Amino acid sequence: MKINRIPADKLKELDDFVSSLEQGVIHTSKNLSFAGAWRDIDDVVFNDFTNDLINNRQKNRRRIDEQGSY
């Protein structure tokens, strides 16, 4: 088995790598838990939210642009 051929001084590095892979799986699972959360949202509410989101992003972009021009 390949894992038996890994030098002892590399096992910590391997363990860290495997842990990072596990964290990615956990993170993805948490995100997927929201799938379908807005399935029953009213069209009017969704459109209002979308328009507000776009407007807020534009306002924030202007603020960031203004801050950058000092």
N, C-alpha and C. Protein backbone atom coordinates (compact mmCIF):
# COMPACT_ATOMS: atom_id res chain seq x y z
N MET A 1 0.84 -1.17 0.00
CA MET A 1 0.00 0.00 0.00
C MET A 1 0.89 1.24 0.00
N LYS A 2 0.52 2.25 -0.78
CA LYS A 2 1.35 3.44 -0.93
C LYS A 2 1.56 4.19 0.37
N ILE A 3 0.56 4.25 1.19
CA ILE A 3 0.66 5.02 2.43
C ILE A 3 1.75 4.47 3.35
N ASN A 4 2.00 3.19 3.28
CA ASN A 4 3.05 2.58 4.11
C ASN A 4 4.45 3.00 3.66
N ARG A 5 4.58 3.51 2.43
CA ARG A 5 5.89 3.92 1.90
C ARG A 5 6.18 5.39 2.18
N ILE A 6 5.25 6.12 2.78
CA ILE A 6 5.46 7.54 3.08
C ILE A 6 6.42 7.65 4.26
N PRO A 7 7.45 8.47 4.09
CA PRO A 7 8.41 8.64 5.19
C PRO A 7 7.73 9.26 6.42
N ALA A 8 8.19 8.89 7.59
CA ALA A 8 7.58 9.35 8.84
C ALA A 8 7.58 10.87 8.95
N ASP A 9 8.63 11.52 8.42
CA ASP A 9 8.71 12.98 8.53
C ASP A 9 7.71 13.69 7.61
N LYS A 10 7.04 12.97 6.73
CA LYS A 10 6.05 13.56 5.82
C LYS A 10 4.61 13.27 6.27
N LEU A 11 4.43 12.47 7.32
CA LEU A 11 3.09 12.10 7.75
C LEU A 11 2.28 13.30 8.25
N LYS A 12 2.91 14.24 8.94
CA LYS A 12 2.21 15.43 9.42
C LYS A 12 1.70 16.24 8.24
N GLU A 13 2.53 16.39 7.23
CA GLU A 13 2.13 17.13 6.02
C GLU A 13 0.95 16.43 5.33
N LEU A 14 0.99 15.12 5.26
CA LEU A 14 -0.09 14.36 4.67
C LEU A 14 -1.38 14.51 5.48
N ASP A 15 -1.25 14.46 6.80
CA ASP A 15 -2.41 14.62 7.68
C ASP A 15 -3.03 16.01 7.50
N ASP A 16 -2.20 17.04 7.40
CA ASP A 16 -2.71 18.39 7.18
C ASP A 16 -3.46 18.49 5.85
N PHE A 17 -2.90 17.84 4.83
CA PHE A 17 -3.53 17.86 3.51
C PHE A 17 -4.89 17.16 3.54
N VAL A 18 -4.95 16.01 4.16
CA VAL A 18 -6.21 15.27 4.25
C VAL A 18 -7.24 16.08 5.04
N SER A 19 -6.80 16.74 6.10
CA SER A 19 -7.71 17.58 6.89
C SER A 19 -8.26 18.72 6.05
N SER A 20 -7.42 19.31 5.20
CA SER A 20 -7.91 20.40 4.34
C SER A 20 -8.94 19.88 3.34
N LEU A 21 -8.76 18.67 2.85
CA LEU A 21 -9.75 18.08 1.95
C LEU A 21 -11.08 17.86 2.67
N GLU A 22 -10.99 17.39 3.91
CA GLU A 22 -12.20 17.16 4.71
C GLU A 22 -12.95 18.46 4.94
N GLN A 23 -12.23 19.54 5.21
CA GLN A 23 -12.86 20.84 5.44
C GLN A 23 -13.61 21.29 4.20
N GLY A 24 -13.05 21.03 3.02
CA GLY A 24 -13.72 21.39 1.77
C GLY A 24 -15.02 20.65 1.61
N VAL A 25 -15.05 19.39 1.99
CA VAL A 25 -16.28 18.59 1.90
C VAL A 25 -17.32 19.12 2.87
N ILE A 26 -16.91 19.45 4.08
CA ILE A 26 -17.83 19.97 5.09
C ILE A 26 -18.40 21.30 4.62
N HIS A 27 -17.55 22.18 4.09
CA HIS A 27 -17.98 23.49 3.62
C HIS A 27 -19.00 23.35 2.49
N THR A 28 -18.73 22.46 1.54
CA THR A 28 -19.64 22.23 0.43
C THR A 28 -20.98 21.71 0.92
N SER A 29 -20.96 20.81 1.88
CA SER A 29 -22.19 20.25 2.42
C SER A 29 -23.04 21.34 3.08
N LYS A 30 -22.39 22.26 3.80
CA LYS A 30 -23.13 23.34 4.44
C LYS A 30 -23.79 24.23 3.39
N ASN A 31 -23.07 24.53 2.31
CA ASN A 31 -23.64 25.35 1.26
C ASN A 31 -24.82 24.65 0.59
N LEU A 32 -24.69 23.38 0.34
CA LEU A 32 -25.76 22.64 -0.32
C LEU A 32 -26.99 22.51 0.56
N SER A 33 -26.84 22.69 1.86
CA SER A 33 -27.99 22.59 2.75
C SER A 33 -29.00 23.71 2.48
N PHE A 34 -28.57 24.77 1.79
CA PHE A 34 -29.47 25.87 1.46
C PHE A 34 -30.20 25.65 0.13
N ALA A 35 -29.87 24.60 -0.57
CA ALA A 35 -30.49 24.34 -1.87
C ALA A 35 -32.01 24.27 -1.72
N GLY A 36 -32.70 25.03 -2.54
CA GLY A 36 -34.16 25.04 -2.53
C GLY A 36 -34.77 25.91 -1.45
N ALA A 37 -33.94 26.64 -0.70
CA ALA A 37 -34.46 27.44 0.41
C ALA A 37 -35.41 28.53 -0.08
N TRP A 38 -35.22 29.00 -1.30
CA TRP A 38 -36.07 30.07 -1.81
C TRP A 38 -37.09 29.54 -2.82
N ARG A 39 -37.30 28.30 -2.82
CA ARG A 39 -38.19 27.66 -3.79
C ARG A 39 -39.59 28.26 -3.76
N ASP A 40 -40.10 28.58 -2.58
CA ASP A 40 -41.48 29.05 -2.44
C ASP A 40 -41.60 30.57 -2.28
N ILE A 41 -40.54 31.31 -2.59
CA ILE A 41 -40.58 32.76 -2.42
C ILE A 41 -41.51 33.39 -3.47
N ASP A 42 -42.25 34.37 -3.04
CA ASP A 42 -43.17 35.08 -3.91
C ASP A 42 -42.38 35.83 -5.00
N ASP A 43 -42.88 35.83 -6.23
CA ASP A 43 -42.17 36.49 -7.34
C ASP A 43 -41.95 37.98 -7.08
N VAL A 44 -42.94 38.66 -6.53
CA VAL A 44 -42.82 40.10 -6.25
C VAL A 44 -41.71 40.34 -5.22
N VAL A 45 -41.69 39.53 -4.17
CA VAL A 45 -40.67 39.67 -3.13
C VAL A 45 -39.29 39.39 -3.72
N PHE A 46 -39.19 38.37 -4.54
CA PHE A 46 -37.91 38.03 -5.16
C PHE A 46 -37.43 39.16 -6.06
N ASN A 47 -38.31 39.72 -6.86
CA ASN A 47 -37.93 40.82 -7.75
C ASN A 47 -37.50 42.05 -6.96
N ASP A 48 -38.23 42.37 -5.89
CA ASP A 48 -37.84 43.50 -5.03
C ASP A 48 -36.46 43.26 -4.43
N PHE A 49 -36.24 42.06 -3.94
CA PHE A 49 -34.95 41.72 -3.35
C PHE A 49 -33.84 41.86 -4.38
N THR A 50 -34.07 41.35 -5.58
CA THR A 50 -33.07 41.41 -6.64
C THR A 50 -32.75 42.85 -7.00
N ASN A 51 -33.78 43.67 -7.15
CA ASN A 51 -33.56 45.07 -7.49
C ASN A 51 -32.81 45.78 -6.36
N ASP A 52 -33.19 45.52 -5.12
CA ASP A 52 -32.49 46.13 -3.98
C ASP A 52 -31.03 45.70 -3.95
N LEU A 53 -30.79 44.44 -4.24
CA LEU A 53 -29.42 43.92 -4.24
C LEU A 53 -28.58 44.64 -5.28
N ILE A 54 -29.11 44.78 -6.48
CA ILE A 54 -28.39 45.46 -7.56
C ILE A 54 -28.12 46.92 -7.17
N ASN A 55 -29.13 47.60 -6.66
CA ASN A 55 -28.98 49.01 -6.26
C ASN A 55 -27.94 49.16 -5.15
N ASN A 56 -28.00 48.28 -4.15
CA ASN A 56 -27.04 48.35 -3.05
C ASN A 56 -25.61 48.10 -3.52
N ARG A 57 -25.44 47.18 -4.44
CA ARG A 57 -24.10 46.91 -4.97
C ARG A 57 -23.56 48.12 -5.73
N GLN A 58 -24.45 48.78 -6.48
CA GLN A 58 -24.01 49.97 -7.22
C GLN A 58 -23.63 51.08 -6.25
N LYS A 59 -24.40 51.27 -5.18
CA LYS A 59 -24.07 52.29 -4.17
C LYS A 59 -22.73 51.99 -3.53
N ASN A 60 -22.52 50.72 -3.16
CA ASN A 60 -21.26 50.33 -2.54
C ASN A 60 -20.09 50.52 -3.49
N ARG A 61 -20.29 50.23 -4.75
CA ARG A 61 -19.22 50.39 -5.74
C ARG A 61 -18.84 51.86 -5.85
N ARG A 62 -19.84 52.75 -5.85
CA ARG A 62 -19.55 54.18 -5.92
C ARG A 62 -18.76 54.63 -4.69
N ARG A 63 -19.15 54.11 -3.51
CA ARG A 63 -18.45 54.46 -2.28
C ARG A 63 -16.99 53.99 -2.32
N ILE A 64 -16.78 52.80 -2.82
CA ILE A 64 -15.42 52.26 -2.91
C ILE A 64 -14.61 53.08 -3.91
N ASP A 65 -15.23 53.44 -5.05
CA ASP A 65 -14.53 54.24 -6.04
C ASP A 65 -14.16 55.61 -5.47
N GLU A 66 -15.06 56.19 -4.68
CA GLU A 66 -14.79 57.50 -4.08
C GLU A 66 -13.67 57.39 -3.05
N GLN A 67 -13.62 56.33 -2.31
CA GLN A 67 -12.57 56.16 -1.31
C GLN A 67 -11.21 55.98 -1.98
N GLY A 68 -11.21 55.37 -3.12
CA GLY A 68 -9.96 55.12 -3.82
C GLY A 68 -9.37 56.34 -4.49
N SER A 69 -10.13 57.42 -4.58
CA SER A 69 -9.64 58.60 -5.30
C SER A 69 -9.01 59.65 -4.39
N TYR A 70 -8.63 59.27 -3.17
CA TYR A 70 -7.99 60.22 -2.24
C TYR A 70 -6.64 60.63 -2.73
